[in-house]
Amino acid sequence: MEKIRTLLLVTAALFVTMDMAFAKIEKISVSQVNAATKAAGFKTFNGKLLRAGDLQISNHRIIQAEKVIKTDFIEMKDGEIYYPEEIEFVYSVKGGLVPSKFKAPKEDEKAPQDSDSN
């Protein structure tokens, strides 16, 4: 029973870490944040990086950015407090578990063949 439990925990941890495996992180301005923006972290005007996993309101590595920006204050797990006005940039996460698109090449985009060489 203990082996099954361990196996399930390892599998769950694998899926959690795969959440960002194919993700793309972009540094965006706070003014560009909307309800669908997911964030891995935030950067203050002083250059301090706030990871989403270190926030008191989050146990995950990715959080809804608007949820953090619209709070009265941002409390870290170590007790530090920041204010939303101090945040300059949001590290936005695009993508997720699988690559966004796989498309077949067009006819003129096929890979070169051995017979194509001069």
N, C-alpha and C. Protein backbone atom coordinates (compact mmCIF):
# COMPACT_ATOMS: atom_id res chain seq x y z
N MET A 1 0.82 -1.19 0.00
CA MET A 1 0.00 0.00 0.00
C MET A 1 0.87 1.27 0.00
N GLU A 2 1.97 1.19 0.75
CA GLU A 2 2.88 2.34 0.82
C GLU A 2 3.52 2.61 -0.55
N LYS A 3 3.83 1.55 -1.30
CA LYS A 3 4.44 1.72 -2.62
C LYS A 3 3.46 2.38 -3.59
N ILE A 4 2.19 2.02 -3.51
CA ILE A 4 1.18 2.63 -4.38
C ILE A 4 1.03 4.11 -4.04
N ARG A 5 1.02 4.41 -2.76
CA ARG A 5 0.89 5.81 -2.34
C ARG A 5 2.08 6.63 -2.84
N THR A 6 3.29 6.08 -2.68
CA THR A 6 4.49 6.76 -3.16
C THR A 6 4.44 6.95 -4.66
N LEU A 7 4.01 5.94 -5.38
CA LEU A 7 3.90 6.03 -6.83
C LEU A 7 2.91 7.11 -7.24
N LEU A 8 1.79 7.20 -6.56
CA LEU A 8 0.80 8.24 -6.86
C LEU A 8 1.34 9.63 -6.56
N LEU A 9 2.08 9.78 -5.47
CA LEU A 9 2.67 11.08 -5.14
C LEU A 9 3.71 11.49 -6.18
N VAL A 10 4.53 10.55 -6.62
CA VAL A 10 5.53 10.85 -7.64
C VAL A 10 4.86 11.22 -8.95
N THR A 11 3.81 10.52 -9.31
CA THR A 11 3.08 10.83 -10.54
C THR A 11 2.45 12.22 -10.46
N ALA A 12 1.85 12.55 -9.33
CA ALA A 12 1.25 13.87 -9.15
C ALA A 12 2.33 14.96 -9.24
N ALA A 13 3.47 14.73 -8.62
CA ALA A 13 4.57 15.70 -8.68
C ALA A 13 5.07 15.88 -10.11
N LEU A 14 5.09 14.80 -10.86
CA LEU A 14 5.52 14.87 -12.26
C LEU A 14 4.58 15.75 -13.07
N PHE A 15 3.27 15.57 -12.89
CA PHE A 15 2.31 16.39 -13.63
C PHE A 15 2.38 17.86 -13.22
N VAL A 16 2.64 18.13 -11.96
CA VAL A 16 2.76 19.52 -11.50
C VAL A 16 3.97 20.17 -12.14
N THR A 17 5.09 19.46 -12.19
CA THR A 17 6.29 20.05 -12.79
C THR A 17 6.17 20.15 -14.30
N MET A 18 5.37 19.29 -14.91
CA MET A 18 5.18 19.35 -16.36
C MET A 18 4.30 20.53 -16.76
N ASP A 19 3.63 21.15 -15.80
CA ASP A 19 2.76 22.28 -16.11
C ASP A 19 3.54 23.39 -16.80
N MET A 20 4.79 23.56 -16.45
CA MET A 20 5.60 24.61 -17.07
C MET A 20 6.60 24.06 -18.08
N ALA A 21 6.53 22.77 -18.38
CA ALA A 21 7.51 22.16 -19.27
C ALA A 21 7.49 22.78 -20.66
N PHE A 22 6.33 23.03 -21.20
CA PHE A 22 6.22 23.61 -22.53
C PHE A 22 5.73 25.06 -22.47
N ALA A 23 5.73 25.64 -21.30
CA ALA A 23 5.23 27.01 -21.15
C ALA A 23 6.28 28.02 -21.60
N LYS A 24 5.80 29.16 -21.97
CA LYS A 24 6.66 30.27 -22.38
C LYS A 24 6.40 31.41 -21.40
N ILE A 25 7.45 31.95 -20.82
CA ILE A 25 7.30 33.03 -19.84
C ILE A 25 7.69 34.34 -20.51
N GLU A 26 6.79 35.32 -20.39
CA GLU A 26 7.02 36.64 -20.96
C GLU A 26 6.96 37.68 -19.85
N LYS A 27 7.80 38.67 -19.94
CA LYS A 27 7.80 39.78 -18.99
C LYS A 27 6.88 40.86 -19.54
N ILE A 28 5.76 41.11 -18.86
CA ILE A 28 4.80 42.09 -19.34
C ILE A 28 4.58 43.17 -18.28
N SER A 29 4.07 44.29 -18.71
CA SER A 29 3.75 45.39 -17.81
C SER A 29 2.49 45.07 -17.03
N VAL A 30 2.35 45.69 -15.87
CA VAL A 30 1.16 45.47 -15.04
C VAL A 30 -0.10 45.94 -15.77
N SER A 31 0.02 46.94 -16.61
CA SER A 31 -1.15 47.46 -17.34
C SER A 31 -1.70 46.45 -18.34
N GLN A 32 -0.91 45.46 -18.74
CA GLN A 32 -1.34 44.45 -19.70
C GLN A 32 -2.02 43.24 -19.04
N VAL A 33 -2.10 43.22 -17.72
CA VAL A 33 -2.69 42.09 -17.00
C VAL A 33 -4.20 42.12 -17.17
N ASN A 34 -4.77 40.95 -17.49
CA ASN A 34 -6.23 40.81 -17.56
C ASN A 34 -6.65 39.59 -16.74
N ALA A 35 -7.90 39.24 -16.79
CA ALA A 35 -8.42 38.14 -15.96
C ALA A 35 -7.81 36.79 -16.33
N ALA A 36 -7.36 36.62 -17.55
CA ALA A 36 -6.84 35.33 -18.00
C ALA A 36 -5.32 35.20 -17.82
N THR A 37 -4.66 36.24 -17.35
CA THR A 37 -3.20 36.22 -17.23
C THR A 37 -2.76 35.35 -16.07
N LYS A 38 -1.94 34.36 -16.38
CA LYS A 38 -1.34 33.51 -15.35
C LYS A 38 0.08 34.00 -15.14
N ALA A 39 0.52 34.02 -13.88
CA ALA A 39 1.85 34.55 -13.58
C ALA A 39 2.68 33.55 -12.79
N ALA A 40 3.97 33.50 -13.13
CA ALA A 40 4.92 32.69 -12.38
C ALA A 40 5.65 33.54 -11.35
N GLY A 41 5.59 34.86 -11.53
CA GLY A 41 6.27 35.75 -10.60
C GLY A 41 6.02 37.21 -10.93
N PHE A 42 6.56 38.07 -10.08
CA PHE A 42 6.39 39.50 -10.21
C PHE A 42 7.72 40.18 -9.92
N LYS A 43 7.92 41.37 -10.48
CA LYS A 43 9.13 42.13 -10.22
C LYS A 43 8.74 43.52 -9.74
N THR A 44 9.34 43.95 -8.64
CA THR A 44 9.01 45.27 -8.09
C THR A 44 9.89 46.33 -8.75
N PHE A 45 9.58 47.59 -8.47
CA PHE A 45 10.37 48.69 -8.99
C PHE A 45 11.79 48.65 -8.43
N ASN A 46 11.97 48.09 -7.24
CA ASN A 46 13.29 47.98 -6.62
C ASN A 46 14.10 46.81 -7.16
N GLY A 47 13.52 45.99 -8.04
CA GLY A 47 14.22 44.86 -8.62
C GLY A 47 14.03 43.55 -7.86
N LYS A 48 13.21 43.55 -6.85
CA LYS A 48 12.95 42.34 -6.06
C LYS A 48 12.02 41.42 -6.85
N LEU A 49 12.39 40.13 -6.95
CA LEU A 49 11.57 39.15 -7.64
C LEU A 49 10.70 38.42 -6.63
N LEU A 50 9.41 38.36 -6.90
CA LEU A 50 8.45 37.68 -6.05
C LEU A 50 7.93 36.47 -6.80
N ARG A 51 8.32 35.27 -6.38
CA ARG A 51 7.85 34.06 -7.04
C ARG A 51 6.44 33.73 -6.58
N ALA A 52 5.63 33.22 -7.47
CA ALA A 52 4.24 32.89 -7.14
C ALA A 52 4.16 31.82 -6.06
N GLY A 53 5.08 30.90 -6.04
CA GLY A 53 5.08 29.85 -5.03
C GLY A 53 5.43 30.36 -3.63
N ASP A 54 6.04 31.54 -3.55
CA ASP A 54 6.42 32.12 -2.26
C ASP A 54 5.34 33.02 -1.68
N LEU A 55 4.25 33.24 -2.42
CA LEU A 55 3.16 34.08 -1.92
C LEU A 55 2.34 33.32 -0.89
N GLN A 56 1.85 34.04 0.12
CA GLN A 56 1.04 33.42 1.17
C GLN A 56 -0.27 32.86 0.61
N ILE A 57 -0.83 33.48 -0.41
CA ILE A 57 -2.12 33.06 -0.95
C ILE A 57 -2.01 31.92 -1.96
N SER A 58 -0.79 31.46 -2.24
CA SER A 58 -0.61 30.44 -3.28
C SER A 58 0.28 29.31 -2.81
N ASN A 59 -0.12 28.10 -3.15
CA ASN A 59 0.71 26.93 -2.91
C ASN A 59 1.26 26.40 -4.23
N HIS A 60 0.97 27.10 -5.31
CA HIS A 60 1.36 26.64 -6.64
C HIS A 60 2.41 27.58 -7.23
N ARG A 61 3.07 27.11 -8.27
CA ARG A 61 4.09 27.92 -8.94
C ARG A 61 3.50 28.89 -9.94
N ILE A 62 2.21 28.74 -10.23
CA ILE A 62 1.52 29.64 -11.16
C ILE A 62 0.25 30.13 -10.48
N ILE A 63 -0.04 31.42 -10.63
CA ILE A 63 -1.22 32.01 -9.98
C ILE A 63 -1.85 33.01 -10.94
N GLN A 64 -3.14 33.28 -10.76
CA GLN A 64 -3.81 34.32 -11.54
C GLN A 64 -3.21 35.67 -11.15
N ALA A 65 -2.66 36.40 -12.10
CA ALA A 65 -1.98 37.66 -11.81
C ALA A 65 -2.95 38.71 -11.27
N GLU A 66 -4.15 38.73 -11.79
CA GLU A 66 -5.13 39.73 -11.37
C GLU A 66 -5.50 39.55 -9.90
N LYS A 67 -5.49 38.32 -9.44
CA LYS A 67 -5.80 38.02 -8.04
C LYS A 67 -4.78 38.69 -7.11
N VAL A 68 -3.54 38.74 -7.53
CA VAL A 68 -2.48 39.36 -6.73
C VAL A 68 -2.50 40.88 -6.87
N ILE A 69 -2.70 41.37 -8.08
CA ILE A 69 -2.66 42.80 -8.34
C ILE A 69 -3.81 43.54 -7.65
N LYS A 70 -4.95 42.90 -7.51
CA LYS A 70 -6.13 43.56 -6.96
C LYS A 70 -6.25 43.43 -5.44
N THR A 71 -5.26 42.82 -4.76
CA THR A 71 -5.31 42.72 -3.30
C THR A 71 -4.83 44.02 -2.67
N ASP A 72 -5.12 44.19 -1.39
CA ASP A 72 -4.67 45.38 -0.66
C ASP A 72 -3.16 45.33 -0.41
N PHE A 73 -2.66 44.15 -0.10
CA PHE A 73 -1.23 43.95 0.10
C PHE A 73 -0.87 42.52 -0.26
N ILE A 74 0.40 42.31 -0.55
CA ILE A 74 0.90 41.00 -0.96
C ILE A 74 1.78 40.47 0.16
N GLU A 75 1.35 39.39 0.78
CA GLU A 75 2.12 38.83 1.88
C GLU A 75 2.87 37.60 1.40
N MET A 76 4.15 37.56 1.73
CA MET A 76 4.99 36.42 1.37
C MET A 76 4.96 35.41 2.51
N LYS A 77 5.36 34.19 2.23
CA LYS A 77 5.37 33.14 3.26
C LYS A 77 6.38 33.43 4.36
N ASP A 78 7.42 34.22 4.05
CA ASP A 78 8.40 34.56 5.08
C ASP A 78 8.00 35.79 5.89
N GLY A 79 6.81 36.33 5.63
CA GLY A 79 6.29 37.44 6.43
C GLY A 79 6.46 38.82 5.81
N GLU A 80 7.25 38.94 4.75
CA GLU A 80 7.43 40.24 4.10
C GLU A 80 6.12 40.67 3.46
N ILE A 81 5.90 41.98 3.43
CA ILE A 81 4.68 42.51 2.84
C ILE A 81 5.06 43.51 1.75
N TYR A 82 4.40 43.37 0.61
CA TYR A 82 4.57 44.29 -0.52
C TYR A 82 3.19 44.81 -0.89
N TYR A 83 3.17 45.91 -1.62
CA TYR A 83 1.91 46.49 -2.06
C TYR A 83 1.83 46.38 -3.58
N PRO A 84 0.63 46.21 -4.12
CA PRO A 84 0.48 46.07 -5.57
C PRO A 84 1.05 47.25 -6.35
N GLU A 85 1.10 48.41 -5.74
CA GLU A 85 1.66 49.59 -6.41
C GLU A 85 3.16 49.46 -6.64
N GLU A 86 3.81 48.57 -5.90
CA GLU A 86 5.25 48.36 -6.03
C GLU A 86 5.61 47.47 -7.21
N ILE A 87 4.65 46.76 -7.77
CA ILE A 87 4.93 45.81 -8.86
C ILE A 87 5.04 46.54 -10.19
N GLU A 88 6.15 46.30 -10.86
CA GLU A 88 6.40 46.92 -12.16
C GLU A 88 6.11 45.94 -13.30
N PHE A 89 6.56 44.69 -13.17
CA PHE A 89 6.39 43.70 -14.23
C PHE A 89 5.78 42.42 -13.69
N VAL A 90 5.12 41.70 -14.59
CA VAL A 90 4.55 40.39 -14.29
C VAL A 90 5.20 39.40 -15.24
N TYR A 91 5.64 38.27 -14.71
CA TYR A 91 6.18 37.20 -15.54
C TYR A 91 5.03 36.29 -15.92
N SER A 92 4.46 36.56 -17.09
CA SER A 92 3.27 35.88 -17.57
C SER A 92 3.63 34.53 -18.19
N VAL A 93 2.79 33.52 -17.92
CA VAL A 93 3.00 32.17 -18.44
C VAL A 93 2.03 31.93 -19.58
N LYS A 94 2.55 31.60 -20.73
CA LYS A 94 1.74 31.25 -21.90
C LYS A 94 1.98 29.79 -22.21
N GLY A 95 0.95 29.07 -22.56
CA GLY A 95 1.10 27.66 -22.89
C GLY A 95 0.79 26.79 -21.70
N GLY A 96 1.25 25.57 -21.74
CA GLY A 96 0.96 24.66 -20.65
C GLY A 96 1.54 23.29 -20.87
N LEU A 97 0.74 22.28 -20.63
CA LEU A 97 1.22 20.90 -20.63
C LEU A 97 1.70 20.41 -21.99
N VAL A 98 1.08 20.85 -23.05
CA VAL A 98 1.47 20.37 -24.37
C VAL A 98 1.88 21.55 -25.24
N PRO A 99 2.73 21.34 -26.20
CA PRO A 99 3.08 22.44 -27.10
C PRO A 99 1.83 23.03 -27.74
N SER A 100 1.86 24.33 -27.98
CA SER A 100 0.66 25.02 -28.43
C SER A 100 0.14 24.52 -29.77
N LYS A 101 1.01 24.33 -30.77
CA LYS A 101 0.52 23.90 -32.08
C LYS A 101 1.55 23.01 -32.76
N PHE A 102 1.07 21.99 -33.37
CA PHE A 102 1.86 21.21 -34.30
C PHE A 102 1.14 21.30 -35.63
N LYS A 103 1.81 21.84 -36.63
CA LYS A 103 1.14 21.93 -37.92
C LYS A 103 2.00 21.24 -38.98
N ALA A 104 1.35 20.69 -39.93
CA ALA A 104 2.05 20.04 -41.02
C ALA A 104 2.65 21.11 -41.93
N PRO A 105 3.82 20.87 -42.47
CA PRO A 105 4.41 21.87 -43.36
C PRO A 105 3.62 21.99 -44.66
N LYS A 106 3.64 23.18 -45.22
CA LYS A 106 2.99 23.38 -46.51
C LYS A 106 3.84 22.71 -47.59
N GLU A 107 3.29 22.60 -48.77
CA GLU A 107 3.99 21.89 -49.84
C GLU A 107 5.35 22.50 -50.15
N ASP A 108 5.46 23.81 -50.10
CA ASP A 108 6.73 24.46 -50.43
C ASP A 108 7.66 24.54 -49.22
N GLU A 109 7.24 24.03 -48.06
CA GLU A 109 8.06 24.08 -46.85
C GLU A 109 8.63 22.73 -46.46
N LYS A 110 8.64 21.77 -47.37
CA LYS A 110 9.13 20.45 -46.99
C LYS A 110 10.64 20.45 -46.82
N ALA A 111 11.11 19.51 -46.04
CA ALA A 111 12.54 19.41 -45.76
C ALA A 111 13.30 19.02 -47.03
N PRO A 112 14.54 19.50 -47.17
CA PRO A 112 15.32 19.14 -48.36
C PRO A 112 15.65 17.65 -48.39
N GLN A 113 15.60 17.09 -49.57
CA GLN A 113 15.88 15.67 -49.78
C GLN A 113 17.27 15.51 -50.40
N ASP A 114 17.78 14.30 -50.39
CA ASP A 114 19.07 14.05 -51.00
C ASP A 114 19.08 14.35 -52.48
N SER A 115 17.97 14.14 -53.13
CA SER A 115 17.90 14.39 -54.59
C SER A 115 17.82 15.87 -54.91
N ASP A 116 17.59 16.72 -53.89
CA ASP A 116 17.50 18.16 -54.12
C ASP A 116 18.87 18.85 -54.18
N SER A 117 19.92 18.18 -53.78
CA SER A 117 21.23 18.83 -53.76
C SER A 117 21.76 19.02 -55.18
N ASN A 118 22.60 20.01 -55.35
CA ASN A 118 23.15 20.34 -56.68
C ASN A 118 24.41 19.61 -56.93
